[in-house]
Amino acid sequence: MVELLKPAEAHLEELTAIDKVSSSLPWSKNLFSKDFNNPAAHYLVAVESGKVLGFAGFWLLQDEMNVVNIAVLPEERRKGLGEKLLKGILDLGVSLGADFATLEVRAGNIPAQALYGKFGFHMIAMRKKYYADNGEDAVVMIKNQLKQ
């Protein structure tokens, strides 16, 4: 059974490895460690039998939660884990006082956009040439009225 937990320093290696296979601009272990010590940053890890399968994080800025990262091991995708992580951080954000959520997602990442749409996010803007690795545009999405 998959549990959503707050991450510990012991999870850093697994988070870094998951991000490396999930992102063309992966975060370093040091960057994750710094974010864990940022009072505005909040993360959840999906753990089963002691193994981290995925993670999600956001920054809480006043009443806005900005989703910064969601990643799942490739072999664990399409099993509802991304949905579970997104719901988990949205619930956590609400419990911490968030009224709305924002995020950026690659224009070509249609599966992620579909996941966010399923949770009530909609596009509000495009950031041209946002991603440094290939100049891809970012779709800016928002979910209003988190507290329903």
N, C-alpha and C. Protein backbone atom coordinates (compact mmCIF):
# COMPACT_ATOMS: atom_id res chain seq x y z
N MET A 1 0.85 -1.19 0.00
CA MET A 1 0.00 0.00 0.00
C MET A 1 0.88 1.25 0.00
N VAL A 2 0.56 2.17 -0.87
CA VAL A 2 1.34 3.40 -1.00
C VAL A 2 0.90 4.40 0.07
N GLU A 3 1.90 4.95 0.76
CA GLU A 3 1.65 5.98 1.77
C GLU A 3 2.25 7.29 1.28
N LEU A 4 1.60 8.39 1.61
CA LEU A 4 2.16 9.71 1.37
C LEU A 4 2.73 10.22 2.68
N LEU A 5 4.02 10.55 2.66
CA LEU A 5 4.73 10.98 3.86
C LEU A 5 5.50 12.26 3.58
N LYS A 6 5.81 12.98 4.65
CA LYS A 6 6.73 14.10 4.50
C LYS A 6 8.12 13.50 4.34
N PRO A 7 8.91 14.03 3.42
CA PRO A 7 10.22 13.44 3.18
C PRO A 7 11.21 13.73 4.30
N ALA A 8 12.20 12.85 4.39
CA ALA A 8 13.29 13.01 5.34
C ALA A 8 14.59 13.10 4.54
N GLU A 9 15.65 13.53 5.19
CA GLU A 9 16.95 13.60 4.53
C GLU A 9 17.33 12.26 3.90
N ALA A 10 16.90 11.17 4.53
CA ALA A 10 17.21 9.82 4.02
C ALA A 10 16.59 9.58 2.64
N HIS A 11 15.59 10.37 2.26
CA HIS A 11 14.92 10.20 0.97
C HIS A 11 15.63 10.95 -0.17
N LEU A 12 16.62 11.77 0.16
CA LEU A 12 17.23 12.65 -0.84
C LEU A 12 17.80 11.90 -2.04
N GLU A 13 18.49 10.80 -1.79
CA GLU A 13 19.08 10.04 -2.91
C GLU A 13 18.00 9.54 -3.86
N GLU A 14 16.91 9.01 -3.30
CA GLU A 14 15.83 8.48 -4.13
C GLU A 14 15.12 9.60 -4.90
N LEU A 15 14.87 10.74 -4.24
CA LEU A 15 14.23 11.86 -4.93
C LEU A 15 15.09 12.34 -6.08
N THR A 16 16.39 12.45 -5.83
CA THR A 16 17.31 12.90 -6.88
C THR A 16 17.31 11.92 -8.05
N ALA A 17 17.32 10.63 -7.76
CA ALA A 17 17.31 9.61 -8.81
C ALA A 17 16.01 9.65 -9.61
N ILE A 18 14.88 9.82 -8.93
CA ILE A 18 13.58 9.89 -9.62
C ILE A 18 13.54 11.13 -10.51
N ASP A 19 14.01 12.26 -10.00
CA ASP A 19 13.99 13.48 -10.79
C ASP A 19 14.91 13.35 -12.01
N LYS A 20 16.02 12.66 -11.84
CA LYS A 20 16.98 12.49 -12.94
C LYS A 20 16.37 11.72 -14.11
N VAL A 21 15.53 10.71 -13.82
CA VAL A 21 14.91 9.94 -14.91
C VAL A 21 13.59 10.55 -15.38
N SER A 22 13.13 11.60 -14.69
CA SER A 22 11.84 12.19 -15.01
C SER A 22 11.93 13.56 -15.65
N SER A 23 13.06 14.21 -15.52
CA SER A 23 13.17 15.60 -15.96
C SER A 23 14.42 15.81 -16.80
N SER A 24 14.31 16.67 -17.79
CA SER A 24 15.50 17.02 -18.57
C SER A 24 16.31 18.12 -17.88
N LEU A 25 15.74 18.68 -16.82
CA LEU A 25 16.45 19.66 -15.98
C LEU A 25 16.33 19.22 -14.52
N PRO A 26 16.92 18.06 -14.17
CA PRO A 26 16.74 17.53 -12.81
C PRO A 26 17.43 18.38 -11.75
N TRP A 27 16.84 18.35 -10.57
CA TRP A 27 17.42 19.03 -9.42
C TRP A 27 18.54 18.18 -8.84
N SER A 28 19.52 18.83 -8.25
CA SER A 28 20.60 18.13 -7.57
C SER A 28 20.17 17.77 -6.14
N LYS A 29 20.90 16.87 -5.55
CA LYS A 29 20.66 16.51 -4.14
C LYS A 29 20.77 17.76 -3.26
N ASN A 30 21.74 18.60 -3.55
CA ASN A 30 21.93 19.83 -2.78
C ASN A 30 20.73 20.78 -2.91
N LEU A 31 20.18 20.88 -4.10
CA LEU A 31 19.02 21.75 -4.31
C LEU A 31 17.80 21.23 -3.55
N PHE A 32 17.57 19.91 -3.60
CA PHE A 32 16.48 19.34 -2.81
C PHE A 32 16.71 19.59 -1.32
N SER A 33 17.92 19.39 -0.87
CA SER A 33 18.25 19.58 0.55
C SER A 33 17.97 21.02 0.98
N LYS A 34 18.37 21.97 0.15
CA LYS A 34 18.10 23.38 0.46
C LYS A 34 16.60 23.65 0.52
N ASP A 35 15.86 23.05 -0.42
CA ASP A 35 14.42 23.27 -0.45
C ASP A 35 13.74 22.66 0.77
N PHE A 36 14.24 21.52 1.24
CA PHE A 36 13.67 20.91 2.45
C PHE A 36 13.80 21.83 3.65
N ASN A 37 14.81 22.71 3.62
CA ASN A 37 15.04 23.64 4.73
C ASN A 37 14.41 25.00 4.48
N ASN A 38 13.70 25.15 3.39
CA ASN A 38 13.01 26.39 3.06
C ASN A 38 11.62 26.33 3.72
N PRO A 39 11.32 27.27 4.62
CA PRO A 39 10.02 27.21 5.30
C PRO A 39 8.81 27.35 4.36
N ALA A 40 9.01 27.88 3.17
CA ALA A 40 7.90 28.02 2.22
C ALA A 40 7.68 26.75 1.40
N ALA A 41 8.65 25.82 1.42
CA ALA A 41 8.59 24.62 0.59
C ALA A 41 7.97 23.46 1.36
N HIS A 42 7.12 22.70 0.67
CA HIS A 42 6.43 21.56 1.27
C HIS A 42 6.42 20.41 0.27
N TYR A 43 6.76 19.23 0.74
CA TYR A 43 6.86 18.06 -0.12
C TYR A 43 6.13 16.87 0.49
N LEU A 44 5.74 15.96 -0.39
CA LEU A 44 5.24 14.64 0.01
C LEU A 44 5.96 13.61 -0.85
N VAL A 45 6.26 12.46 -0.25
CA VAL A 45 6.82 11.35 -1.00
C VAL A 45 5.84 10.20 -0.95
N ALA A 46 5.74 9.48 -2.06
CA ALA A 46 4.91 8.28 -2.13
C ALA A 46 5.83 7.09 -1.87
N VAL A 47 5.55 6.36 -0.79
CA VAL A 47 6.42 5.28 -0.35
C VAL A 47 5.62 3.98 -0.27
N GLU A 48 6.22 2.91 -0.79
CA GLU A 48 5.62 1.58 -0.66
C GLU A 48 6.74 0.61 -0.28
N SER A 49 6.52 -0.11 0.81
CA SER A 49 7.51 -1.08 1.30
C SER A 49 8.90 -0.45 1.45
N GLY A 50 8.92 0.80 1.94
CA GLY A 50 10.18 1.49 2.19
C GLY A 50 10.83 2.12 0.98
N LYS A 51 10.24 1.95 -0.21
CA LYS A 51 10.81 2.50 -1.44
C LYS A 51 10.03 3.73 -1.88
N VAL A 52 10.74 4.81 -2.21
CA VAL A 52 10.11 6.02 -2.72
C VAL A 52 9.78 5.80 -4.20
N LEU A 53 8.50 5.96 -4.53
CA LEU A 53 8.02 5.75 -5.90
C LEU A 53 7.82 7.06 -6.65
N GLY A 54 7.65 8.15 -5.89
CA GLY A 54 7.42 9.44 -6.50
C GLY A 54 7.37 10.51 -5.44
N PHE A 55 7.29 11.74 -5.89
CA PHE A 55 7.22 12.87 -4.96
C PHE A 55 6.53 14.06 -5.61
N ALA A 56 6.09 14.98 -4.78
CA ALA A 56 5.49 16.22 -5.25
C ALA A 56 5.82 17.32 -4.26
N GLY A 57 5.99 18.52 -4.78
CA GLY A 57 6.32 19.63 -3.90
C GLY A 57 5.71 20.93 -4.37
N PHE A 58 5.58 21.85 -3.43
CA PHE A 58 5.06 23.18 -3.74
C PHE A 58 5.67 24.19 -2.79
N TRP A 59 5.61 25.44 -3.20
CA TRP A 59 6.00 26.55 -2.34
C TRP A 59 4.74 27.31 -1.99
N LEU A 60 4.59 27.63 -0.74
CA LEU A 60 3.44 28.41 -0.27
C LEU A 60 3.87 29.85 -0.09
N LEU A 61 3.30 30.74 -0.89
CA LEU A 61 3.61 32.15 -0.86
C LEU A 61 2.32 32.90 -0.55
N GLN A 62 2.18 33.32 0.72
CA GLN A 62 0.94 33.92 1.20
C GLN A 62 -0.19 32.92 1.02
N ASP A 63 -1.17 33.21 0.14
CA ASP A 63 -2.29 32.29 -0.06
C ASP A 63 -2.18 31.51 -1.37
N GLU A 64 -1.02 31.61 -2.03
CA GLU A 64 -0.80 30.89 -3.29
C GLU A 64 0.14 29.71 -3.08
N MET A 65 -0.28 28.55 -3.55
CA MET A 65 0.64 27.42 -3.60
C MET A 65 1.10 27.28 -5.04
N ASN A 66 2.41 27.28 -5.22
CA ASN A 66 2.99 27.10 -6.55
C ASN A 66 3.59 25.71 -6.62
N VAL A 67 2.98 24.85 -7.43
CA VAL A 67 3.45 23.48 -7.59
C VAL A 67 4.77 23.54 -8.36
N VAL A 68 5.83 23.04 -7.75
CA VAL A 68 7.15 23.14 -8.37
C VAL A 68 7.64 21.82 -8.96
N ASN A 69 7.11 20.70 -8.48
CA ASN A 69 7.66 19.43 -8.93
C ASN A 69 6.71 18.28 -8.61
N ILE A 70 6.47 17.45 -9.60
CA ILE A 70 5.80 16.16 -9.40
C ILE A 70 6.54 15.18 -10.29
N ALA A 71 6.99 14.09 -9.71
CA ALA A 71 7.71 13.09 -10.49
C ALA A 71 7.43 11.69 -9.93
N VAL A 72 7.32 10.74 -10.84
CA VAL A 72 7.04 9.35 -10.49
C VAL A 72 8.01 8.47 -11.28
N LEU A 73 8.50 7.42 -10.64
CA LEU A 73 9.37 6.47 -11.35
C LEU A 73 8.68 6.00 -12.63
N PRO A 74 9.41 5.88 -13.73
CA PRO A 74 8.78 5.47 -15.00
C PRO A 74 7.97 4.18 -14.90
N GLU A 75 8.47 3.19 -14.18
CA GLU A 75 7.74 1.92 -14.07
C GLU A 75 6.49 2.00 -13.19
N GLU A 76 6.31 3.12 -12.49
CA GLU A 76 5.14 3.29 -11.61
C GLU A 76 4.10 4.24 -12.21
N ARG A 77 4.36 4.74 -13.39
CA ARG A 77 3.43 5.68 -14.03
C ARG A 77 2.20 4.95 -14.54
N ARG A 78 1.13 5.73 -14.72
CA ARG A 78 -0.16 5.21 -15.22
C ARG A 78 -0.84 4.28 -14.23
N LYS A 79 -0.52 4.46 -12.94
CA LYS A 79 -1.15 3.65 -11.89
C LYS A 79 -1.90 4.53 -10.89
N GLY A 80 -2.05 5.81 -11.20
CA GLY A 80 -2.77 6.71 -10.31
C GLY A 80 -1.92 7.39 -9.25
N LEU A 81 -0.62 7.16 -9.29
CA LEU A 81 0.25 7.74 -8.28
C LEU A 81 0.39 9.25 -8.42
N GLY A 82 0.47 9.74 -9.66
CA GLY A 82 0.52 11.19 -9.89
C GLY A 82 -0.71 11.87 -9.34
N GLU A 83 -1.88 11.25 -9.57
CA GLU A 83 -3.13 11.79 -9.03
C GLU A 83 -3.10 11.83 -7.51
N LYS A 84 -2.63 10.74 -6.91
CA LYS A 84 -2.57 10.66 -5.45
C LYS A 84 -1.64 11.74 -4.88
N LEU A 85 -0.49 11.92 -5.52
CA LEU A 85 0.45 12.95 -5.07
C LEU A 85 -0.13 14.35 -5.24
N LEU A 86 -0.76 14.61 -6.39
CA LEU A 86 -1.33 15.94 -6.62
C LEU A 86 -2.43 16.23 -5.62
N LYS A 87 -3.32 15.27 -5.40
CA LYS A 87 -4.38 15.46 -4.40
C LYS A 87 -3.77 15.69 -3.02
N GLY A 88 -2.73 14.93 -2.70
CA GLY A 88 -2.07 15.08 -1.41
C GLY A 88 -1.51 16.46 -1.18
N ILE A 89 -0.81 17.02 -2.20
CA ILE A 89 -0.25 18.36 -1.97
C ILE A 89 -1.33 19.44 -2.01
N LEU A 90 -2.38 19.23 -2.82
CA LEU A 90 -3.47 20.21 -2.81
C LEU A 90 -4.14 20.24 -1.43
N ASP A 91 -4.39 19.07 -0.86
CA ASP A 91 -4.97 19.01 0.48
C ASP A 91 -4.04 19.64 1.52
N LEU A 92 -2.74 19.37 1.39
CA LEU A 92 -1.78 19.96 2.32
C LEU A 92 -1.75 21.48 2.16
N GLY A 93 -1.77 21.95 0.93
CA GLY A 93 -1.79 23.39 0.69
C GLY A 93 -2.99 24.07 1.32
N VAL A 94 -4.16 23.47 1.17
CA VAL A 94 -5.38 24.01 1.78
C VAL A 94 -5.23 24.04 3.30
N SER A 95 -4.70 22.97 3.87
CA SER A 95 -4.54 22.93 5.34
C SER A 95 -3.57 23.99 5.84
N LEU A 96 -2.69 24.46 4.96
CA LEU A 96 -1.72 25.49 5.33
C LEU A 96 -2.18 26.90 4.94
N GLY A 97 -3.40 27.02 4.37
CA GLY A 97 -3.97 28.32 4.09
C GLY A 97 -3.98 28.76 2.64
N ALA A 98 -3.65 27.87 1.71
CA ALA A 98 -3.66 28.24 0.29
C ALA A 98 -5.09 28.41 -0.21
N ASP A 99 -5.31 29.45 -0.99
CA ASP A 99 -6.61 29.70 -1.61
C ASP A 99 -6.64 29.30 -3.08
N PHE A 100 -5.45 29.34 -3.72
CA PHE A 100 -5.37 28.96 -5.13
C PHE A 100 -4.00 28.36 -5.41
N ALA A 101 -3.88 27.65 -6.54
CA ALA A 101 -2.63 26.99 -6.91
C ALA A 101 -2.24 27.36 -8.33
N THR A 102 -0.95 27.50 -8.56
CA THR A 102 -0.42 27.78 -9.88
C THR A 102 0.69 26.78 -10.20
N LEU A 103 1.02 26.69 -11.48
CA LEU A 103 2.14 25.84 -11.90
C LEU A 103 2.52 26.18 -13.32
N GLU A 104 3.72 25.76 -13.71
CA GLU A 104 4.16 25.80 -15.10
C GLU A 104 4.41 24.36 -15.52
N VAL A 105 4.05 24.05 -16.75
CA VAL A 105 4.26 22.71 -17.29
C VAL A 105 4.70 22.87 -18.75
N ARG A 106 5.58 21.98 -19.18
CA ARG A 106 6.05 22.05 -20.57
C ARG A 106 4.86 21.98 -21.54
N ALA A 107 4.92 22.79 -22.57
CA ALA A 107 3.84 22.82 -23.57
C ALA A 107 3.65 21.44 -24.19
N GLY A 108 4.70 20.67 -24.32
CA GLY A 108 4.61 19.35 -24.92
C GLY A 108 4.24 18.23 -23.97
N ASN A 109 4.10 18.54 -22.70
CA ASN A 109 3.78 17.50 -21.71
C ASN A 109 2.26 17.39 -21.57
N ILE A 110 1.66 16.81 -22.57
CA ILE A 110 0.20 16.69 -22.63
C ILE A 110 -0.35 15.81 -21.50
N PRO A 111 0.30 14.68 -21.15
CA PRO A 111 -0.23 13.87 -20.05
C PRO A 111 -0.30 14.66 -18.72
N ALA A 112 0.73 15.46 -18.43
CA ALA A 112 0.71 16.26 -17.20
C ALA A 112 -0.39 17.31 -17.27
N GLN A 113 -0.54 17.95 -18.41
CA GLN A 113 -1.60 18.95 -18.56
C GLN A 113 -2.98 18.32 -18.35
N ALA A 114 -3.15 17.11 -18.85
CA ALA A 114 -4.43 16.40 -18.67
C ALA A 114 -4.67 16.10 -17.20
N LEU A 115 -3.62 15.67 -16.50
CA LEU A 115 -3.75 15.41 -15.06
C LEU A 115 -4.17 16.68 -14.33
N TYR A 116 -3.50 17.78 -14.60
CA TYR A 116 -3.84 19.04 -13.93
C TYR A 116 -5.26 19.47 -14.27
N GLY A 117 -5.65 19.30 -15.53
CA GLY A 117 -7.01 19.65 -15.95
C GLY A 117 -8.05 18.83 -15.21
N LYS A 118 -7.75 17.57 -14.96
CA LYS A 118 -8.67 16.70 -14.23
C LYS A 118 -8.93 17.22 -12.81
N PHE A 119 -7.96 17.96 -12.28
CA PHE A 119 -8.08 18.52 -10.93
C PHE A 119 -8.54 19.98 -10.93
N GLY A 120 -8.98 20.48 -12.08
CA GLY A 120 -9.56 21.81 -12.15
C GLY A 120 -8.60 22.93 -12.51
N PHE A 121 -7.37 22.59 -12.89
CA PHE A 121 -6.44 23.62 -13.36
C PHE A 121 -6.81 23.99 -14.79
N HIS A 122 -6.61 25.26 -15.15
CA HIS A 122 -6.80 25.68 -16.53
C HIS A 122 -5.69 26.66 -16.91
N MET A 123 -5.42 26.72 -18.19
CA MET A 123 -4.35 27.57 -18.72
C MET A 123 -4.72 29.04 -18.59
N ILE A 124 -3.73 29.84 -18.16
CA ILE A 124 -3.96 31.29 -18.11
C ILE A 124 -2.93 32.06 -18.93
N ALA A 125 -1.80 31.41 -19.28
CA ALA A 125 -0.77 32.11 -20.04
C ALA A 125 0.24 31.12 -20.59
N MET A 126 1.07 31.62 -21.49
CA MET A 126 2.22 30.86 -22.00
C MET A 126 3.47 31.66 -21.67
N ARG A 127 4.50 30.97 -21.23
CA ARG A 127 5.81 31.60 -21.03
C ARG A 127 6.69 31.11 -22.19
N LYS A 128 6.98 32.01 -23.10
CA LYS A 128 7.75 31.66 -24.30
C LYS A 128 9.20 31.31 -23.93
N LYS A 129 9.68 30.22 -24.52
CA LYS A 129 11.07 29.78 -24.36
C LYS A 129 11.49 29.71 -22.89
N TYR A 130 10.62 29.18 -22.06
CA TYR A 130 10.81 29.14 -20.60
C TYR A 130 11.88 28.16 -20.16
N TYR A 131 11.95 27.01 -20.81
CA TYR A 131 12.85 25.94 -20.35
C TYR A 131 14.23 26.09 -20.98
N ALA A 132 15.24 26.18 -20.12
CA ALA A 132 16.61 26.47 -20.55
C ALA A 132 17.23 25.36 -21.39
N ASP A 133 16.80 24.11 -21.20
CA ASP A 133 17.46 23.01 -21.90
C ASP A 133 17.14 22.99 -23.40
N ASN A 134 15.92 23.38 -23.77
CA ASN A 134 15.55 23.30 -25.18
C ASN A 134 14.70 24.48 -25.67
N GLY A 135 14.49 25.47 -24.81
CA GLY A 135 13.71 26.64 -25.20
C GLY A 135 12.22 26.39 -25.34
N GLU A 136 11.74 25.26 -24.81
CA GLU A 136 10.32 24.94 -24.90
C GLU A 136 9.49 25.94 -24.10
N ASP A 137 8.29 26.21 -24.60
CA ASP A 137 7.36 27.09 -23.90
C ASP A 137 6.79 26.39 -22.68
N ALA A 138 6.37 27.19 -21.72
CA ALA A 138 5.68 26.67 -20.54
C ALA A 138 4.23 27.14 -20.58
N VAL A 139 3.33 26.23 -20.23
CA VAL A 139 1.93 26.56 -20.05
C VAL A 139 1.75 26.91 -18.57
N VAL A 140 1.23 28.09 -18.31
CA VAL A 140 0.95 28.50 -16.93
C VAL A 140 -0.50 28.14 -16.65
N MET A 141 -0.70 27.40 -15.55
CA MET A 141 -2.04 26.94 -15.19
C MET A 141 -2.39 27.40 -13.78
N ILE A 142 -3.68 27.53 -13.52
CA ILE A 142 -4.15 27.95 -12.21
C ILE A 142 -5.37 27.12 -11.81
N LYS A 143 -5.48 26.91 -10.54
CA LYS A 143 -6.69 26.32 -9.96
C LYS A 143 -7.15 27.29 -8.89
N ASN A 144 -8.29 27.88 -9.11
CA ASN A 144 -8.87 28.84 -8.15
C ASN A 144 -9.72 28.10 -7.11
N GLN A 145 -10.00 28.77 -6.04
CA GLN A 145 -10.92 28.29 -5.01
C GLN A 145 -10.60 26.87 -4.56
N LEU A 146 -9.41 26.71 -3.97
CA LEU A 146 -9.01 25.40 -3.47
C LEU A 146 -9.93 24.91 -2.35
N LYS A 147 -10.41 25.85 -1.56
CA LYS A 147 -11.27 25.50 -0.42
C LYS A 147 -12.70 25.39 -0.89
N GLN A 148 -13.15 24.16 -1.13
CA GLN A 148 -14.53 23.97 -1.60
C GLN A 148 -15.27 23.02 -0.71
